[in-house]
Amino acid sequence: MSKPETEITFELALEQLEEVVDKLEQGDVPLEEAIAMFQEGMKLSKVCHDKLSAVEKQMEQILHADGQVEVTSFQEDHKE
């Protein structure tokens, strides 16, 4: 990753992650390079997850501060 995790945008992290996945799916990457790319992909995936979690918390705070909308966890909606 060219930028520290705190400076990279969600969109850029997702774009870089998609590039890593595309290269790995081609299957013609040497093993050592594939391992390094996989590790990079995992870091990018964590960045995306962390940024989405932060936005979810921020939205919950905004909705809660308004007092007119009941906040439910996104995860609760998918339990079956």
Protein backbone atom coordinates (compact mmCIF):
# COMPACT_ATOMS: atom_id res chain seq x y z
CA MET A 1 0.00 0.00 0.00
CA SER A 2 1.48 3.32 -0.98
CA LYS A 3 -0.26 5.44 1.69
CA PRO A 4 -0.53 4.77 5.42
CA GLU A 5 -3.83 3.13 6.34
CA THR A 6 -5.08 6.27 8.07
CA GLU A 7 -4.64 8.38 4.92
CA ILE A 8 -6.09 6.06 2.30
CA THR A 9 -9.72 6.58 1.31
CA PHE A 10 -12.25 3.77 1.30
CA GLU A 11 -12.63 4.07 -2.46
CA LEU A 12 -8.88 3.84 -3.08
CA ALA A 13 -8.49 0.89 -0.72
CA LEU A 14 -11.37 -0.91 -2.44
CA GLU A 15 -9.91 -0.18 -5.89
CA GLN A 16 -6.50 -1.51 -4.83
CA LEU A 17 -8.12 -4.58 -3.28
CA GLU A 18 -9.97 -5.30 -6.51
CA GLU A 19 -6.69 -5.04 -8.44
CA VAL A 20 -5.02 -7.51 -6.08
CA VAL A 21 -7.92 -9.94 -6.40
CA ASP A 22 -7.89 -9.67 -10.20
CA LYS A 23 -4.16 -10.42 -10.36
CA LEU A 24 -4.46 -13.37 -7.98
CA GLU A 25 -7.41 -14.78 -9.93
CA GLN A 26 -5.32 -14.81 -13.11
CA GLY A 27 -3.22 -17.51 -11.45
CA ASP A 28 0.07 -16.73 -13.17
CA VAL A 29 1.69 -15.04 -10.17
CA PRO A 30 4.76 -16.70 -8.60
CA LEU A 31 4.06 -18.16 -5.16
CA GLU A 32 6.15 -15.66 -3.19
CA GLU A 33 4.53 -12.74 -4.98
CA ALA A 34 1.08 -14.27 -4.52
CA ILE A 35 1.66 -14.54 -0.76
CA ALA A 36 2.75 -10.90 -0.57
CA MET A 37 -0.24 -9.84 -2.66
CA PHE A 38 -2.57 -11.88 -0.44
CA GLN A 39 -1.16 -10.15 2.66
CA GLU A 40 -1.63 -6.77 0.99
CA GLY A 41 -5.19 -7.72 0.11
CA MET A 42 -5.91 -8.65 3.72
CA LYS A 43 -4.59 -5.27 4.90
CA LEU A 44 -6.73 -3.47 2.34
CA SER A 45 -9.75 -5.53 3.35
CA LYS A 46 -9.21 -4.52 6.98
CA VAL A 47 -8.95 -0.86 5.99
CA CYS A 48 -12.27 -1.11 4.14
CA HIS A 49 -13.93 -2.91 7.04
CA ASP A 50 -12.62 -0.40 9.60
CA LYS A 51 -13.77 2.57 7.54
CA LEU A 52 -17.23 1.07 7.03
CA SER A 53 -17.51 0.35 10.76
CA ALA A 54 -16.54 3.93 11.57
CA VAL A 55 -19.18 5.26 9.18
CA GLU A 56 -21.79 2.93 10.68
CA LYS A 57 -20.99 4.22 14.19
CA GLN A 58 -21.11 7.80 12.95
CA MET A 59 -24.51 7.21 11.33
CA GLU A 60 -25.82 5.64 14.54
CA GLN A 61 -24.70 8.72 16.48
CA ILE A 62 -26.34 11.06 13.97
CA LEU A 63 -29.58 9.12 13.99
CA HIS A 64 -29.56 8.81 17.76
CA ALA A 65 -28.85 12.52 18.24
CA ASP A 66 -31.87 13.36 16.08
CA GLY A 67 -34.11 11.29 18.32
CA GLN A 68 -36.67 10.60 15.61
CA VAL A 69 -35.24 7.43 14.11
CA GLU A 70 -34.74 4.18 16.00
CA VAL A 71 -31.24 2.84 15.40
CA THR A 72 -30.84 -0.86 14.78
CA SER A 73 -27.63 -2.70 14.09
CA PHE A 74 -27.13 -3.79 10.50
CA GLN A 75 -26.06 -7.21 11.76
CA GLU A 76 -29.34 -7.73 13.62
CA ASP A 77 -31.27 -7.31 10.38
CA HIS A 78 -29.55 -10.35 8.85
CA LYS A 79 -30.01 -12.86 11.70
CA GLU A 80 -32.17 -15.84 10.84
